[in-house]
Structures are given as C-alpha cells and as structure tokens.
Amino acid sequence: MSGDHADALISRKVRRLETLLEEKGVLSGGALDETLDAFLAGASPANGARVVARAWTDEAYRARLLADGTAAVKELGLMEGPFQRLRVVENTESVHNVIVCTLCSCYPIRLLGPSPSWYKSEAYRSRVVREPRAVLAEFGLHLPDSTDITVWDSSAETRYMVLPRRPPGTDSLPERELASLVTRNALIGTGA
C-alpha cells in the first residue's frame, strides 16, 4: 500500500468544508453533489466533437475558436468554468498537437467527458513530454518524421483541446455526421 495519503487528507478537508457550509446555511444538504452530478451529466466528448464539426464547416467559427476558445464554446452553450481559459490548438499537415497536464490531470471535462485513466497516469504525464512520438505510436498514431509534435501543458487556469484535421472525403457530410467521426483521443491529440 502506498504511503501517500494526500488524497485522503484532501477528501477529509473537503467533507469538513462542505459540512461547515451546510451548518451555516450556505449549502443545503447534498447541494454540492447535485451540482456536480448535473455538471457531469453534461460532460461528454460529444460536446468537443460538436465544436470541432462546427469549426470544420464554418470558417468564421473556426477563426473565432482558434482566437478565443472560451468565447467560441460559449456560442454553442458550452462553458468549462468561470475561471478557466480554453485554448484550442489546430493540427495541420506539418504540426500535430497533444495535450497533457504534467502536474496533475487538468482537463476540459465539459468538452471531453471524464478524463481517461491513462491521461492521469504518471507514465503518460512524464513520457509524452520527453518522447511524444513514441507515446503517440503506442496509441497507434504513427506520424511522419517531417511532422512536428507540439506538447501543450494544461493548468488550472488554461485548458487545451486539439482541433484535429478534417478527414479527407468528408466535404459533403453534414455537421452531425462529422461530429460522429471525432474521438476523445483526437481531441487530446493521441488520435488522428
């Protein structure tokens, strides 16, 4: 068993704070759980896929998304958090982007759904920075040597999402069908 009990200490502190807020009448019993449940119910990679599909079909929206991701996702009724900035980075023919949080597991949950366990793992968090091409190959993503790989480090203040390249032969597809082609891994950068 690990000697690291930091999570248990934090959990106790959070429970104590919640109890104090309930006792003072700031929160009603279970209000925090209800708020979190409501937030998580709307958290899905389908949200990020919808953003990508819109960017693929609307050049003006794409430009706004790349200039100010936070404002652009608000246009679609998707907001991550009041104190978080969303930066969207675009894959091109010569550049592939991948997201990590080297300190913990900061991640745009509302747009990508709950983070996968590998995203939180120390192995992913440390290796993708040092050897991104090898890590991407382990995900089955083999990029040409001529493709530059940029690793973006998420933080509590700034979350990242990748705008993947539009698949060839999809020019006639409507937005809804395009969204169905986008995977969570593509939004993180570990997929195409």
Protein backbone atom coordinates (compact mmCIF):
# COMPACT_ATOMS: atom_id res chain seq x y z
CA MET A 1 0.00 0.00 0.00
CA SER A 2 1.24 3.45 -0.85
CA GLY A 3 2.43 5.76 1.88
CA ASP A 4 0.91 8.75 0.05
CA HIS A 5 -2.34 9.68 1.74
CA ALA A 6 -2.65 13.20 0.36
CA ASP A 7 -5.96 12.36 -1.34
CA ALA A 8 -7.44 11.13 1.95
CA LEU A 9 -6.40 14.33 3.69
CA ILE A 10 -7.88 16.47 0.94
CA SER A 11 -11.09 14.43 0.98
CA ARG A 12 -11.44 14.96 4.73
CA LYS A 13 -10.88 18.69 4.34
CA VAL A 14 -13.46 18.91 1.55
CA ARG A 15 -16.02 16.96 3.59
CA ARG A 16 -15.38 19.22 6.60
CA LEU A 17 -15.77 22.36 4.47
CA GLU A 18 -18.99 21.01 2.98
CA THR A 19 -20.32 20.25 6.49
CA LEU A 20 -19.47 23.76 7.69
CA LEU A 21 -21.20 25.33 4.68
CA GLU A 22 -24.29 23.22 5.34
CA GLU A 23 -24.27 24.14 9.05
CA LYS A 24 -24.02 27.86 8.19
CA GLY A 25 -26.89 27.53 5.70
CA VAL A 26 -24.74 28.42 2.69
CA LEU A 27 -25.38 24.99 1.12
CA SER A 28 -28.33 22.72 1.61
CA GLY A 29 -27.63 19.04 2.25
CA GLY A 30 -26.49 17.36 -0.94
CA ALA A 31 -26.42 20.61 -2.97
CA LEU A 32 -22.78 20.15 -3.90
CA ASP A 33 -23.39 16.56 -5.03
CA GLU A 34 -26.40 17.67 -7.08
CA THR A 35 -24.37 20.42 -8.74
CA LEU A 36 -21.53 18.03 -9.56
CA ASP A 37 -23.95 15.41 -10.87
CA ALA A 38 -25.62 17.98 -13.13
CA PHE A 39 -22.24 19.15 -14.41
CA LEU A 40 -21.00 15.63 -15.11
CA ALA A 41 -24.27 14.67 -16.82
CA GLY A 42 -23.49 17.28 -19.46
CA ALA A 43 -19.79 16.39 -19.71
CA SER A 44 -19.12 14.37 -22.84
CA PRO A 45 -16.64 14.08 -25.71
CA ALA A 46 -19.70 14.66 -27.91
CA ASN A 47 -19.51 18.31 -26.83
CA GLY A 48 -15.94 18.67 -28.08
CA ALA A 49 -16.86 16.78 -31.26
CA ARG A 50 -19.69 19.26 -31.85
CA VAL A 51 -17.23 22.16 -31.51
CA VAL A 52 -14.83 20.52 -33.98
CA ALA A 53 -17.58 19.76 -36.51
CA ARG A 54 -18.73 23.38 -36.38
CA ALA A 55 -15.14 24.56 -36.93
CA TRP A 56 -14.80 22.21 -39.90
CA THR A 57 -17.96 23.56 -41.54
CA ASP A 58 -17.84 27.25 -40.57
CA GLU A 59 -14.58 29.05 -41.32
CA ALA A 60 -15.58 32.15 -39.33
CA TYR A 61 -16.35 29.99 -36.29
CA ARG A 62 -13.02 28.17 -36.72
CA ALA A 63 -11.18 31.50 -36.68
CA ARG A 64 -13.03 32.60 -33.52
CA LEU A 65 -12.35 29.22 -31.88
CA LEU A 66 -8.61 29.48 -32.51
CA ALA A 67 -8.52 33.13 -31.40
CA ASP A 68 -10.58 32.68 -28.21
CA GLY A 69 -11.70 29.14 -27.45
CA THR A 70 -13.55 30.18 -24.30
CA ALA A 71 -15.81 32.64 -26.13
CA ALA A 72 -16.33 30.30 -29.09
CA VAL A 73 -17.55 27.37 -26.99
CA LYS A 74 -19.88 29.75 -25.14
CA GLU A 75 -21.51 30.43 -28.52
CA LEU A 76 -22.57 26.77 -28.54
CA GLY A 77 -23.77 26.89 -24.93
CA LEU A 78 -20.73 25.02 -23.66
CA MET A 79 -18.75 26.62 -20.89
CA GLU A 80 -15.96 24.95 -18.97
CA GLY A 81 -15.68 27.07 -15.85
CA PRO A 82 -15.78 30.74 -14.91
CA PHE A 83 -12.06 30.94 -14.13
CA GLN A 84 -10.71 28.70 -16.87
CA ARG A 85 -9.43 29.69 -20.26
CA LEU A 86 -9.81 27.28 -23.16
CA ARG A 87 -7.16 27.36 -25.82
CA VAL A 88 -7.78 25.34 -28.97
CA VAL A 89 -4.72 24.27 -30.96
CA GLU A 90 -5.04 23.15 -34.56
CA ASN A 91 -3.40 20.15 -36.18
CA THR A 92 -2.05 20.86 -39.65
CA GLU A 93 -0.20 18.89 -42.27
CA SER A 94 3.11 19.84 -40.64
CA VAL A 95 2.19 20.13 -36.93
CA HIS A 96 0.46 17.68 -34.60
CA ASN A 97 -0.61 18.81 -31.11
CA VAL A 98 -1.00 16.69 -27.99
CA ILE A 99 -2.31 17.69 -24.57
CA VAL A 100 -1.02 16.75 -21.12
CA CYS A 101 -1.13 18.08 -17.60
CA THR A 102 2.29 17.38 -16.14
CA LEU A 103 1.33 18.41 -12.59
CA CYS A 104 -1.95 16.58 -12.11
CA SER A 105 -4.75 15.95 -14.59
CA CYS A 106 -6.23 19.33 -15.62
CA TYR A 107 -8.57 18.62 -18.45
CA PRO A 108 -11.64 20.26 -20.10
CA ILE A 109 -14.18 17.80 -18.67
CA ARG A 110 -17.24 19.54 -20.09
CA LEU A 111 -15.86 19.19 -23.63
CA LEU A 112 -14.09 15.83 -23.40
CA GLY A 113 -16.02 13.97 -20.70
CA PRO A 114 -14.29 12.46 -17.67
CA SER A 115 -10.58 12.02 -18.33
CA PRO A 116 -9.32 8.55 -19.22
CA SER A 117 -7.22 6.80 -16.59
CA TRP A 118 -4.12 6.84 -18.79
CA TYR A 119 -4.30 10.67 -19.00
CA LYS A 120 -3.91 10.86 -15.22
CA SER A 121 -1.11 8.29 -15.09
CA GLU A 122 2.39 9.38 -14.16
CA ALA A 123 3.73 7.39 -17.12
CA TYR A 124 1.71 9.38 -19.69
CA ARG A 125 2.27 12.71 -17.95
CA SER A 126 6.04 12.33 -17.89
CA ARG A 127 6.70 10.41 -21.10
CA VAL A 128 4.58 12.40 -23.55
CA VAL A 129 6.72 15.46 -22.80
CA ARG A 130 10.04 13.62 -23.30
CA GLU A 131 9.14 11.25 -26.12
CA PRO A 132 5.83 12.30 -27.68
CA ARG A 133 6.35 10.41 -30.94
CA ALA A 134 6.90 7.12 -29.09
CA VAL A 135 3.85 7.66 -26.86
CA LEU A 136 1.65 8.51 -29.85
CA ALA A 137 2.88 5.37 -31.61
CA GLU A 138 1.73 3.34 -28.58
CA PHE A 139 -1.75 4.79 -29.21
CA GLY A 140 -1.48 3.60 -32.82
CA LEU A 141 -0.79 7.07 -34.19
CA HIS A 142 2.28 6.94 -36.43
CA LEU A 143 3.22 10.38 -37.71
CA PRO A 144 5.76 11.08 -40.45
CA ASP A 145 9.17 12.22 -39.21
CA SER A 146 8.52 15.51 -41.02
CA THR A 147 5.57 16.26 -38.71
CA ASP A 148 6.47 18.46 -35.75
CA ILE A 149 4.81 17.48 -32.47
CA THR A 150 3.88 20.21 -30.01
CA VAL A 151 3.01 19.20 -26.44
CA TRP A 152 0.71 21.59 -24.55
CA ASP A 153 0.69 21.53 -20.74
CA SER A 154 -2.76 22.20 -19.27
CA SER A 155 -3.08 24.00 -15.97
CA ALA A 156 -5.75 25.09 -13.51
CA GLU A 157 -6.04 28.37 -15.43
CA THR A 158 -5.77 27.18 -19.04
CA ARG A 159 -7.20 24.01 -20.54
CA TYR A 160 -6.41 22.84 -24.06
CA MET A 161 -8.29 20.99 -26.76
CA VAL A 162 -6.95 19.86 -30.13
CA LEU A 163 -8.74 20.78 -33.35
CA PRO A 164 -7.95 17.68 -35.43
CA ARG A 165 -7.57 17.77 -39.19
CA ARG A 166 -10.75 17.16 -41.13
CA PRO A 167 -10.69 13.69 -42.68
CA PRO A 168 -10.41 13.65 -46.48
CA GLY A 169 -13.57 12.85 -48.41
CA THR A 170 -15.92 14.41 -45.84
CA ASP A 171 -16.72 17.65 -47.67
CA SER A 172 -20.34 16.65 -48.29
CA LEU A 173 -21.07 15.41 -44.75
CA PRO A 174 -23.35 17.47 -42.53
CA GLU A 175 -22.14 18.74 -39.15
CA ARG A 176 -23.83 15.96 -37.15
CA GLU A 177 -22.13 13.21 -39.18
CA LEU A 178 -18.79 15.00 -38.96
CA ALA A 179 -19.13 15.16 -35.17
CA SER A 180 -19.59 11.39 -35.06
CA LEU A 181 -16.13 10.97 -36.62
CA VAL A 182 -14.35 12.86 -33.82
CA THR A 183 -12.94 10.79 -30.95
CA ARG A 184 -11.91 11.87 -27.48
CA ASN A 185 -8.36 10.79 -28.27
CA ALA A 186 -8.33 13.10 -31.31
CA LEU A 187 -9.41 15.98 -29.04
CA ILE A 188 -6.47 15.20 -26.73
CA GLY A 189 -4.08 14.61 -29.62
CA THR A 190 -3.43 10.91 -29.04
CA GLY A 191 -5.63 10.09 -32.04
CA ALA A 192 -5.90 11.44 -35.57
